[in-house]
Amino acid sequence: MKIPSTVRYFNKKYTNRLMKKIAGKRCSPIALIRHTGRKSGRQYETPVIAARNMDHFIFALTYGKEVDWYRNILTHTSAELLWKGYWFRLTAPKSLDAAAGKNSFPLLAKTFLTLLGISEFFQMEIEKSEY
């Protein structure tokens, strides 16, 4: 299951603007991913749910795989992530099964994702440590 498109639209238009103010900050549970538009070539920043796992970051696709930011990343195979106050260059997106994805998150986030029925996840390799 994924969050309905009507909620996605509302969040994209309104909530994300507020979330960008806290996303990626040192104590924030939300990260900020910077990606390039697949058609426009424009830079975008989107608040996301992410967890670090050694040399990878795992992402929850709360709205499914049809979202623009995920499709942009698949097209360009790279992105930048602001997480806990540090920027990371990411590459090589790869789908994960639901169990592996959920188990990468801390207990509270894992519980939240399970309650929402989120079952789509992917990971990206850290190309270079923080810059």
Foldseek 3Di string as FASTA:
>chain_A
DADDPVVVVCCVVPVFVVVVVVALAQPDQWKKKWFAFPPPRDIDIGIFHWFDDPQKIKTFPRHDCPDRRNVRCVNVQWIWMRHNNFIFIWGDKDWDFQVVRLVRDPPVVSVVCVVSVGTTMIMTGGPDGTD
